[in-house]
Amino acid sequence: MSESGLQALVENVDALRKLIGRRVNYMGQTYEIVDLLIEDDLLILSGDEGADVQEDSYGRAHRLVPHQHNLRFRDADGHATHVWEELAFLDGPLSI
């Protein structure tokens, strides 16, 4: 995707929301985009492989949950971050 197309994507909340549910390759692992935190500029990925231990409210190990990454998709100036270069969409390229 061109730089101008990517910038248009990160400025379009509806287009960003359509990314939820898409599968991506990030750092050699397969993930699914499970959430988008617009106010914090975060894209939340949940992994198929590996698991993290989630603690209960007392700090005790409680259960295994999928490994997650919280990725900043735009910077403080509203520009697309480098994370877009590291994501490979498994169901085809992005289009807006």
PDB file of N, CA and C in Angstrom:
ATOM      1  N   MET A   1       0.847  -1.163   0.000  1.00  0.00           N
ATOM      2  CA  MET A   1       0.000   0.000   0.000  1.00  0.00           C
ATOM      3  C   MET A   1       0.897   1.233   0.000  1.00  0.00           C
ATOM      4  N   SER A   2       0.490   2.235  -0.728  1.00  0.00           N
ATOM      5  CA  SER A   2       1.276   3.464  -0.805  1.00  0.00           C
ATOM      6  C   SER A   2       1.244   4.204   0.530  1.00  0.00           C
ATOM      7  N   GLU A   3       2.187   5.101   0.693  1.00  0.00           N
ATOM      8  CA  GLU A   3       2.253   5.874   1.934  1.00  0.00           C
ATOM      9  C   GLU A   3       1.000   6.722   2.120  1.00  0.00           C
ATOM     10  N   SER A   4       0.498   7.313   1.046  1.00  0.00           N
ATOM     11  CA  SER A   4      -0.715   8.129   1.151  1.00  0.00           C
ATOM     12  C   SER A   4      -1.933   7.258   1.448  1.00  0.00           C
ATOM     13  N   GLY A   5      -1.971   6.051   0.877  1.00  0.00           N
ATOM     14  CA  GLY A   5      -3.066   5.128   1.166  1.00  0.00           C
ATOM     15  C   GLY A   5      -3.048   4.667   2.608  1.00  0.00           C
ATOM     16  N   LEU A   6      -1.860   4.413   3.127  1.00  0.00           N
ATOM     17  CA  LEU A   6      -1.716   4.004   4.519  1.00  0.00           C
ATOM     18  C   LEU A   6      -2.121   5.133   5.456  1.00  0.00           C
ATOM     19  N   GLN A   7      -1.742   6.352   5.118  1.00  0.00           N
ATOM     20  CA  GLN A   7      -2.126   7.501   5.936  1.00  0.00           C
ATOM     21  C   GLN A   7      -3.642   7.668   5.934  1.00  0.00           C
ATOM     22  N   ALA A   8      -4.274   7.472   4.783  1.00  0.00           N
ATOM     23  CA  ALA A   8      -5.733   7.550   4.709  1.00  0.00           C
ATOM     24  C   ALA A   8      -6.371   6.480   5.585  1.00  0.00           C
ATOM     25  N   LEU A   9      -5.773   5.294   5.633  1.00  0.00           N
ATOM     26  CA  LEU A   9      -6.294   4.211   6.466  1.00  0.00           C
ATOM     27  C   LEU A   9      -6.236   4.579   7.944  1.00  0.00           C
ATOM     28  N   VAL A  10      -5.104   5.063   8.434  1.00  0.00           N
ATOM     29  CA  VAL A  10      -4.983   5.350   9.868  1.00  0.00           C
ATOM     30  C   VAL A  10      -5.826   6.542  10.295  1.00  0.00           C
ATOM     31  N   GLU A  11      -6.300   7.334   9.346  1.00  0.00           N
ATOM     32  CA  GLU A  11      -7.188   8.456   9.657  1.00  0.00           C
ATOM     33  C   GLU A  11      -8.658   8.069   9.568  1.00  0.00           C
ATOM     34  N   ASN A  12      -8.965   6.891   9.033  1.00  0.00           N
ATOM     35  CA  ASN A  12     -10.343   6.459   8.811  1.00  0.00           C
ATOM     36  C   ASN A  12     -10.727   5.391   9.841  1.00  0.00           C
ATOM     37  N   VAL A  13     -11.484   5.784  10.851  1.00  0.00           N
ATOM     38  CA  VAL A  13     -11.846   4.875  11.944  1.00  0.00           C
ATOM     39  C   VAL A  13     -12.650   3.685  11.429  1.00  0.00           C
ATOM     40  N   ASP A  14     -13.578   3.910  10.510  1.00  0.00           N
ATOM     41  CA  ASP A  14     -14.391   2.803   9.988  1.00  0.00           C
ATOM     42  C   ASP A  14     -13.534   1.783   9.248  1.00  0.00           C
ATOM     43  N   ALA A  15     -12.576   2.253   8.466  1.00  0.00           N
ATOM     44  CA  ALA A  15     -11.683   1.333   7.751  1.00  0.00           C
ATOM     45  C   ALA A  15     -10.820   0.553   8.732  1.00  0.00           C
ATOM     46  N   LEU A  16     -10.354   1.208   9.790  1.00  0.00           N
ATOM     47  CA  LEU A  16      -9.557   0.516  10.806  1.00  0.00           C
ATOM     48  C   LEU A  16     -10.376  -0.571  11.498  1.00  0.00           C
ATOM     49  N   ARG A  17     -11.629  -0.274  11.802  1.00  0.00           N
ATOM     50  CA  ARG A  17     -12.489  -1.264  12.477  1.00  0.00           C
ATOM     51  C   ARG A  17     -12.705  -2.505  11.608  1.00  0.00           C
ATOM     52  N   LYS A  18     -12.664  -2.333  10.302  1.00  0.00           N
ATOM     53  CA  LYS A  18     -12.837  -3.479   9.402  1.00  0.00           C
ATOM     54  C   LYS A  18     -11.656  -4.444   9.460  1.00  0.00           C
ATOM     55  N   LEU A  19     -10.547  -4.011  10.069  1.00  0.00           N
ATOM     56  CA  LEU A  19      -9.386  -4.895  10.214  1.00  0.00           C
ATOM     57  C   LEU A  19      -9.590  -5.936  11.311  1.00  0.00           C
ATOM     58  N   ILE A  20     -10.510  -5.681  12.228  1.00  0.00           N
ATOM     59  CA  ILE A  20     -10.752  -6.630  13.320  1.00  0.00           C
ATOM     60  C   ILE A  20     -11.216  -7.959  12.724  1.00  0.00           C
ATOM     61  N   GLY A  21     -10.568  -9.024  13.170  1.00  0.00           N
ATOM     62  CA  GLY A  21     -10.877 -10.360  12.670  1.00  0.00           C
ATOM     63  C   GLY A  21      -9.924 -10.836  11.583  1.00  0.00           C
ATOM     64  N   ARG A  22      -9.155  -9.923  11.003  1.00  0.00           N
ATOM     65  CA  ARG A  22      -8.207 -10.322   9.954  1.00  0.00           C
ATOM     66  C   ARG A  22      -6.985 -10.974  10.568  1.00  0.00           C
ATOM     67  N   ARG A  23      -6.435 -11.944   9.858  1.00  0.00           N
ATOM     68  CA  ARG A  23      -5.258 -12.680  10.313  1.00  0.00           C
ATOM     69  C   ARG A  23      -4.012 -12.063   9.696  1.00  0.00           C
ATOM     70  N   VAL A  24      -2.977 -11.954  10.528  1.00  0.00           N
ATOM     71  CA  VAL A  24      -1.726 -11.339  10.097  1.00  0.00           C
ATOM     72  C   VAL A  24      -0.540 -12.171  10.552  1.00  0.00           C
ATOM     73  N   ASN A  25       0.567 -11.962   9.863  1.00  0.00           N
ATOM     74  CA  ASN A  25       1.840 -12.520  10.305  1.00  0.00           C
ATOM     75  C   ASN A  25       2.623 -11.355  10.888  1.00  0.00           C
ATOM     76  N   TYR A  26       3.075 -11.522  12.139  1.00  0.00           N
ATOM     77  CA  TYR A  26       3.850 -10.488  12.810  1.00  0.00           C
ATOM     78  C   TYR A  26       4.998 -11.157  13.542  1.00  0.00           C
ATOM     79  N   MET A  27       6.206 -10.776  13.212  1.00  0.00           N
ATOM     80  CA  MET A  27       7.410 -11.336  13.823  1.00  0.00           C
ATOM     81  C   MET A  27       7.470 -12.860  13.689  1.00  0.00           C
ATOM     82  N   GLY A  28       7.049 -13.355  12.517  1.00  0.00           N
ATOM     83  CA  GLY A  28       7.137 -14.781  12.230  1.00  0.00           C
ATOM     84  C   GLY A  28       6.057 -15.636  12.868  1.00  0.00           C
ATOM     85  N   GLN A  29       5.065 -15.028  13.478  1.00  0.00           N
ATOM     86  CA  GLN A  29       3.976 -15.761  14.133  1.00  0.00           C
ATOM     87  C   GLN A  29       2.640 -15.309  13.541  1.00  0.00           C
ATOM     88  N   THR A  30       1.653 -16.194  13.617  1.00  0.00           N
ATOM     89  CA  THR A  30       0.319 -15.871  13.131  1.00  0.00           C
ATOM     90  C   THR A  30      -0.520 -15.311  14.275  1.00  0.00           C
ATOM     91  N   TYR A  31      -1.176 -14.194  13.995  1.00  0.00           N
ATOM     92  CA  TYR A  31      -2.036 -13.527  14.973  1.00  0.00           C
ATOM     93  C   TYR A  31      -3.349 -13.146  14.308  1.00  0.00           C
ATOM     94  N   GLU A  32      -4.325 -12.829  15.145  1.00  0.00           N
ATOM     95  CA  GLU A  32      -5.587 -12.268  14.680  1.00  0.00           C
ATOM     96  C   GLU A  32      -5.729 -10.887  15.307  1.00  0.00           C
ATOM     97  N   ILE A  33      -6.197  -9.930  14.524  1.00  0.00           N
ATOM     98  CA  ILE A  33      -6.483  -8.605  15.081  1.00  0.00           C
ATOM     99  C   ILE A  33      -7.798  -8.737  15.842  1.00  0.00           C
ATOM    100  N   VAL A  34      -7.741  -8.582  17.163  1.00  0.00           N
ATOM    101  CA  VAL A  34      -8.921  -8.824  17.994  1.00  0.00           C
ATOM    102  C   VAL A  34      -9.551  -7.548  18.534  1.00  0.00           C
ATOM    103  N   ASP A  35      -8.824  -6.444  18.515  1.00  0.00           N
ATOM    104  CA  ASP A  35      -9.399  -5.211  19.048  1.00  0.00           C
ATOM    105  C   ASP A  35      -8.638  -4.014  18.501  1.00  0.00           C
ATOM    106  N   LEU A  36      -9.267  -2.875  18.620  1.00  0.00           N
ATOM    107  CA  LEU A  36      -8.697  -1.623  18.162  1.00  0.00           C
ATOM    108  C   LEU A  36      -9.048  -0.569  19.201  1.00  0.00           C
ATOM    109  N   LEU A  37      -8.049   0.035  19.809  1.00  0.00           N
ATOM    110  CA  LEU A  37      -8.268   1.086  20.802  1.00  0.00           C
ATOM    111  C   LEU A  37      -7.926   2.424  20.149  1.00  0.00           C
ATOM    112  N   ILE A  38      -8.945   3.060  19.593  1.00  0.00           N
ATOM    113  CA  ILE A  38      -8.761   4.286  18.823  1.00  0.00           C
ATOM    114  C   ILE A  38      -8.142   5.391  19.680  1.00  0.00           C
ATOM    115  N   GLU A  39      -8.651   5.579  20.906  1.00  0.00           N
ATOM    116  CA  GLU A  39      -8.167   6.662  21.765  1.00  0.00           C
ATOM    117  C   GLU A  39      -6.688   6.501  22.112  1.00  0.00           C
ATOM    118  N   ASP A  40      -6.221   5.248  22.196  1.00  0.00           N
ATOM    119  CA  ASP A  40      -4.827   4.968  22.543  1.00  0.00           C
ATOM    120  C   ASP A  40      -3.968   4.649  21.325  1.00  0.00           C
ATOM    121  N   ASP A  41      -4.572   4.644  20.139  1.00  0.00           N
ATOM    122  CA  ASP A  41      -3.870   4.327  18.888  1.00  0.00           C
ATOM    123  C   ASP A  41      -3.229   2.942  18.932  1.00  0.00           C
ATOM    124  N   LEU A  42      -3.947   1.959  19.477  1.00  0.00           N
ATOM    125  CA  LEU A  42      -3.402   0.606  19.622  1.00  0.00           C
ATOM    126  C   LEU A  42      -4.196  -0.407  18.814  1.00  0.00           C
ATOM    127  N   LEU A  43      -3.467  -1.288  18.168  1.00  0.00           N
ATOM    128  CA  LEU A  43      -3.998  -2.446  17.464  1.00  0.00           C
ATOM    129  C   LEU A  43      -3.647  -3.649  18.331  1.00  0.00           C
ATOM    130  N   ILE A  44      -4.633  -4.454  18.718  1.00  0.00           N
ATOM    131  CA  ILE A  44      -4.401  -5.576  19.621  1.00  0.00           C
ATOM    132  C   ILE A  44      -4.403  -6.870  18.813  1.00  0.00           C
ATOM    133  N   LEU A  45      -3.288  -7.605  18.889  1.00  0.00           N
ATOM    134  CA  LEU A  45      -3.154  -8.891  18.213  1.00  0.00           C
ATOM    135  C   LEU A  45      -3.202 -10.001  19.243  1.00  0.00           C
ATOM    136  N   SER A  46      -3.881 -11.093  18.911  1.00  0.00           N
ATOM    137  CA  SER A  46      -3.931 -12.275  19.770  1.00  0.00           C
ATOM    138  C   SER A  46      -3.384 -13.458  18.987  1.00  0.00           C
ATOM    139  N   GLY A  47      -2.469 -14.198  19.621  1.00  0.00           N
ATOM    140  CA  GLY A  47      -1.760 -15.265  18.932  1.00  0.00           C
ATOM    141  C   GLY A  47      -2.437 -16.614  18.979  1.00  0.00           C
ATOM    142  N   ASP A  48      -2.086 -17.454  17.996  1.00  0.00           N
ATOM    143  CA  ASP A  48      -2.546 -18.838  17.951  1.00  0.00           C
ATOM    144  C   ASP A  48      -1.626 -19.731  18.763  1.00  0.00           C
ATOM    145  N   GLU A  49      -0.351 -19.394  18.760  1.00  0.00           N
ATOM    146  CA  GLU A  49       0.645 -20.224  19.423  1.00  0.00           C
ATOM    147  C   GLU A  49       1.115 -19.542  20.693  1.00  0.00           C
ATOM    148  N   GLY A  50       1.464 -20.354  21.667  1.00  0.00           N
ATOM    149  CA  GLY A  50       1.985 -19.812  22.916  1.00  0.00           C
ATOM    150  C   GLY A  50       0.871 -19.282  23.785  1.00  0.00           C
ATOM    151  N   ALA A  51       1.179 -19.151  25.038  1.00  0.00           N
ATOM    152  CA  ALA A  51       0.195 -18.647  25.983  1.00  0.00           C
ATOM    153  C   ALA A  51       0.920 -17.948  27.122  1.00  0.00           C
ATOM    154  N   ASP A  52       0.232 -16.999  27.706  1.00  0.00           N
ATOM    155  CA  ASP A  52       0.743 -16.287  28.871  1.00  0.00           C
ATOM    156  C   ASP A  52      -0.129 -16.660  30.061  1.00  0.00           C
ATOM    157  N   VAL A  53       0.448 -16.597  31.236  1.00  0.00           N
ATOM    158  CA  VAL A  53      -0.310 -16.866  32.454  1.00  0.00           C
ATOM    159  C   VAL A  53      -0.978 -15.570  32.888  1.00  0.00           C
ATOM    160  N   GLN A  54      -2.290 -15.636  33.048  1.00  0.00           N
ATOM    161  CA  GLN A  54      -3.035 -14.474  33.522  1.00  0.00           C
ATOM    162  C   GLN A  54      -3.227 -14.614  35.023  1.00  0.00           C
ATOM    163  N   GLU A  55      -2.964 -13.539  35.734  1.00  0.00           N
ATOM    164  CA  GLU A  55      -3.101 -13.566  37.182  1.00  0.00           C
ATOM    165  C   GLU A  55      -4.494 -13.112  37.587  1.00  0.00           C
ATOM    166  N   ASP A  56      -4.943 -13.586  38.764  1.00  0.00           N
ATOM    167  CA  ASP A  56      -6.204 -13.097  39.301  1.00  0.00           C
ATOM    168  C   ASP A  56      -5.949 -11.771  40.022  1.00  0.00           C
ATOM    169  N   SER A  57      -6.962 -11.215  40.664  1.00  0.00           N
ATOM    170  CA  SER A  57      -6.816  -9.905  41.301  1.00  0.00           C
ATOM    171  C   SER A  57      -5.857  -9.915  42.487  1.00  0.00           C
ATOM    172  N   TYR A  58      -5.475 -11.113  42.952  1.00  0.00           N
ATOM    173  CA  TYR A  58      -4.522 -11.230  44.060  1.00  0.00           C
ATOM    174  C   TYR A  58      -3.106 -11.531  43.574  1.00  0.00           C
ATOM    175  N   GLY A  59      -2.899 -11.562  42.267  1.00  0.00           N
ATOM    176  CA  GLY A  59      -1.576 -11.808  41.713  1.00  0.00           C
ATOM    177  C   GLY A  59      -1.201 -13.274  41.608  1.00  0.00           C
ATOM    178  N   ARG A  60      -2.167 -14.163  41.824  1.00  0.00           N
ATOM    179  CA  ARG A  60      -1.895 -15.601  41.717  1.00  0.00           C
ATOM    180  C   ARG A  60      -2.163 -16.061  40.288  1.00  0.00           C
ATOM    181  N   ALA A  61      -1.339 -16.998  39.831  1.00  0.00           N
ATOM    182  CA  ALA A  61      -1.545 -17.568  38.495  1.00  0.00           C
ATOM    183  C   ALA A  61      -2.949 -18.153  38.430  1.00  0.00           C
ATOM    184  N   HIS A  62      -3.681 -17.784  37.391  1.00  0.00           N
ATOM    185  CA  HIS A  62      -5.091 -18.169  37.313  1.00  0.00           C
ATOM    186  C   HIS A  62      -5.393 -19.049  36.105  1.00  0.00           C
ATOM    187  N   ARG A  63      -4.952 -18.621  34.913  1.00  0.00           N
ATOM    188  CA  ARG A  63      -5.250 -19.386  33.697  1.00  0.00           C
ATOM    189  C   ARG A  63      -4.298 -18.984  32.579  1.00  0.00           C
ATOM    190  N   LEU A  64      -4.288 -19.796  31.539  1.00  0.00           N
ATOM    191  CA  LEU A  64      -3.495 -19.495  30.349  1.00  0.00           C
ATOM    192  C   LEU A  64      -4.359 -18.738  29.346  1.00  0.00           C
ATOM    193  N   VAL A  65      -3.799 -17.702  28.792  1.00  0.00           N
ATOM    194  CA  VAL A  65      -4.496 -16.910  27.777  1.00  0.00           C
ATOM    195  C   VAL A  65      -3.571 -16.771  26.568  1.00  0.00           C
ATOM    196  N   PRO A  66      -4.124 -16.573  25.373  1.00  0.00           N
ATOM    197  CA  PRO A  66      -3.274 -16.409  24.184  1.00  0.00           C
ATOM    198  C   PRO A  66      -2.327 -15.221  24.342  1.00  0.00           C
ATOM    199  N   HIS A  67      -1.138 -15.359  23.763  1.00  0.00           N
ATOM    200  CA  HIS A  67      -0.155 -14.271  23.787  1.00  0.00           C
ATOM    201  C   HIS A  67      -0.698 -13.099  22.982  1.00  0.00           C
ATOM    202  N   GLN A  68      -0.546 -11.899  23.500  1.00  0.00           N
ATOM    203  CA  GLN A  68      -1.039 -10.710  22.819  1.00  0.00           C
ATOM    204  C   GLN A  68       0.068  -9.687  22.612  1.00  0.00           C
ATOM    205  N   HIS A  69      -0.117  -8.886  21.568  1.00  0.00           N
ATOM    206  CA  HIS A  69       0.746  -7.731  21.310  1.00  0.00           C
ATOM    207  C   HIS A  69      -0.157  -6.512  21.200  1.00  0.00           C
ATOM    208  N   ASN A  70       0.246  -5.430  21.832  1.00  0.00           N
ATOM    209  CA  ASN A  70      -0.428  -4.143  21.693  1.00  0.00           C
ATOM    210  C   ASN A  70       0.484  -3.267  20.842  1.00  0.00           C
ATOM    211  N   LEU A  71       0.057  -2.979  19.629  1.00  0.00           N
ATOM    212  CA  LEU A  71       0.906  -2.267  18.670  1.00  0.00           C
ATOM    213  C   LEU A  71       0.366  -0.867  18.396  1.00  0.00           C
ATOM    214  N   ARG A  72       1.223   0.130  18.536  1.00  0.00           N
ATOM    215  CA  ARG A  72       0.826   1.508  18.240  1.00  0.00           C
ATOM    216  C   ARG A  72       0.783   1.670  16.717  1.00  0.00           C
ATOM    217  N   PHE A  73      -0.416   1.985  16.193  1.00  0.00           N
ATOM    218  CA  PHE A  73      -0.567   2.062  14.738  1.00  0.00           C
ATOM    219  C   PHE A  73      -0.390   3.469  14.182  1.00  0.00           C
ATOM    220  N   ARG A  74      -0.421   4.487  15.039  1.00  0.00           N
ATOM    221  CA  ARG A  74      -0.104   5.846  14.589  1.00  0.00           C
ATOM    222  C   ARG A  74       0.587   6.593  15.728  1.00  0.00           C
ATOM    223  N   ASP A  75       1.400   7.564  15.336  1.00  0.00           N
ATOM    224  CA  ASP A  75       2.174   8.307  16.330  1.00  0.00           C
ATOM    225  C   ASP A  75       1.369   9.498  16.859  1.00  0.00           C
ATOM    226  N   ALA A  76       1.988  10.288  17.722  1.00  0.00           N
ATOM    227  CA  ALA A  76       1.311  11.425  18.352  1.00  0.00           C
ATOM    228  C   ALA A  76       0.861  12.474  17.335  1.00  0.00           C
ATOM    229  N   ASP A  77       1.518  12.519  16.185  1.00  0.00           N
ATOM    230  CA  ASP A  77       1.142  13.466  15.132  1.00  0.00           C
ATOM    231  C   ASP A  77       0.080  12.903  14.191  1.00  0.00           C
ATOM    232  N   GLY A  78      -0.361  11.669  14.439  1.00  0.00           N
ATOM    233  CA  GLY A  78      -1.384  11.053  13.604  1.00  0.00           C
ATOM    234  C   GLY A  78      -0.862  10.345  12.375  1.00  0.00           C
ATOM    235  N   HIS A  79       0.451  10.166  12.275  1.00  0.00           N
ATOM    236  CA  HIS A  79       1.050   9.482  11.123  1.00  0.00           C
ATOM    237  C   HIS A  79       1.187   7.986  11.395  1.00  0.00           C
ATOM    238  N   ALA A  80       1.105   7.199  10.345  1.00  0.00           N
ATOM    239  CA  ALA A  80       1.260   5.742  10.455  1.00  0.00           C
ATOM    240  C   ALA A  80       2.642   5.404  11.010  1.00  0.00           C
ATOM    241  N   THR A  81       2.699   4.411  11.898  1.00  0.00           N
ATOM    242  CA  THR A  81       3.977   3.988  12.476  1.00  0.00           C
ATOM    243  C   THR A  81       4.597   2.871  11.639  1.00  0.00           C
ATOM    244  N   HIS A  82       5.799   2.477  12.016  1.00  0.00           N
ATOM    245  CA  HIS A  82       6.537   1.419  11.315  1.00  0.00           C
ATOM    246  C   HIS A  82       5.862   0.053  11.429  1.00  0.00           C
ATOM    247  N   VAL A  83       4.919  -0.099  12.342  1.00  0.00           N
ATOM    248  CA  VAL A  83       4.312  -1.413  12.562  1.00  0.00           C
ATOM    249  C   VAL A  83       3.628  -1.937  11.298  1.00  0.00           C
ATOM    250  N   TRP A  84       3.146  -1.045  10.443  1.00  0.00           N
ATOM    251  CA  TRP A  84       2.474  -1.470   9.215  1.00  0.00           C
ATOM    252  C   TRP A  84       3.429  -2.188   8.270  1.00  0.00           C
ATOM    253  N   GLU A  85       4.710  -1.847   8.342  1.00  0.00           N
ATOM    254  CA  GLU A  85       5.712  -2.518   7.513  1.00  0.00           C
ATOM    255  C   GLU A  85       5.989  -3.927   8.014  1.00  0.00           C
ATOM    256  N   GLU A  86       5.718  -4.184   9.285  1.00  0.00           N
ATOM    257  CA  GLU A  86       6.012  -5.475   9.900  1.00  0.00           C
ATOM    258  C   GLU A  86       4.834  -6.439   9.859  1.00  0.00           C
ATOM    259  N   LEU A  87       3.652  -5.955   9.477  1.00  0.00           N
ATOM    260  CA  LEU A  87       2.462  -6.804   9.393  1.00  0.00           C
ATOM    261  C   LEU A  87       2.279  -7.317   7.972  1.00  0.00           C
ATOM    262  N   ALA A  88       2.029  -8.617   7.846  1.00  0.00           N
ATOM    263  CA  ALA A  88       1.687  -9.207   6.549  1.00  0.00           C
ATOM    264  C   ALA A  88       0.289  -9.795   6.686  1.00  0.00           C
ATOM    265  N   PHE A  89      -0.655  -9.266   5.940  1.00  0.00           N
ATOM    266  CA  PHE A  89      -2.029  -9.748   6.011  1.00  0.00           C
ATOM    267  C   PHE A  89      -2.133 -11.056   5.244  1.00  0.00           C
ATOM    268  N   LEU A  90      -2.610 -12.099   5.919  1.00  0.00           N
ATOM    269  CA  LEU A  90      -2.614 -13.445   5.348  1.00  0.00           C
ATOM    270  C   LEU A  90      -3.728 -13.656   4.329  1.00  0.00           C
ATOM    271  N   ASP A  91      -4.762 -12.835   4.374  1.00  0.00           N
ATOM    272  CA  ASP A  91      -5.869 -13.008   3.431  1.00  0.00           C
ATOM    273  C   ASP A  91      -5.801 -12.002   2.281  1.00  0.00           C
ATOM    274  N   GLY A  92      -4.627 -11.457   2.046  1.00  0.00           N
ATOM    275  CA  GLY A  92      -4.447 -10.540   0.926  1.00  0.00           C
ATOM    276  C   GLY A  92      -4.073  -9.154   1.390  1.00  0.00           C
ATOM    277  N   PRO A  93      -3.634  -8.324   0.464  1.00  0.00           N
ATOM    278  CA  PRO A  93      -3.178  -6.978   0.817  1.00  0.00           C
ATOM    279  C   PRO A  93      -4.329  -6.087   1.275  1.00  0.00           C
ATOM    280  N   LEU A  94      -3.968  -5.031   1.970  1.00  0.00           N
ATOM    281  CA  LEU A  94      -4.957  -4.054   2.416  1.00  0.00           C
ATOM    282  C   LEU A  94      -5.460  -3.251   1.236  1.00  0.00           C
ATOM    283  N   SER A  95      -6.723  -2.893   1.303  1.00  0.00           N
ATOM    284  CA  SER A  95      -7.287  -1.968   0.318  1.00  0.00           C
ATOM    285  C   SER A  95      -8.314  -1.116   1.042  1.00  0.00           C
ATOM    286  N   ILE A  96      -8.370   0.140   0.686  1.00  0.00           N
ATOM    287  CA  ILE A  96      -9.355   1.027   1.319  1.00  0.00           C
ATOM    288  C   ILE A  96     -10.191   1.707   0.271  1.00  0.00           C
TER     289      ILE A  96
END
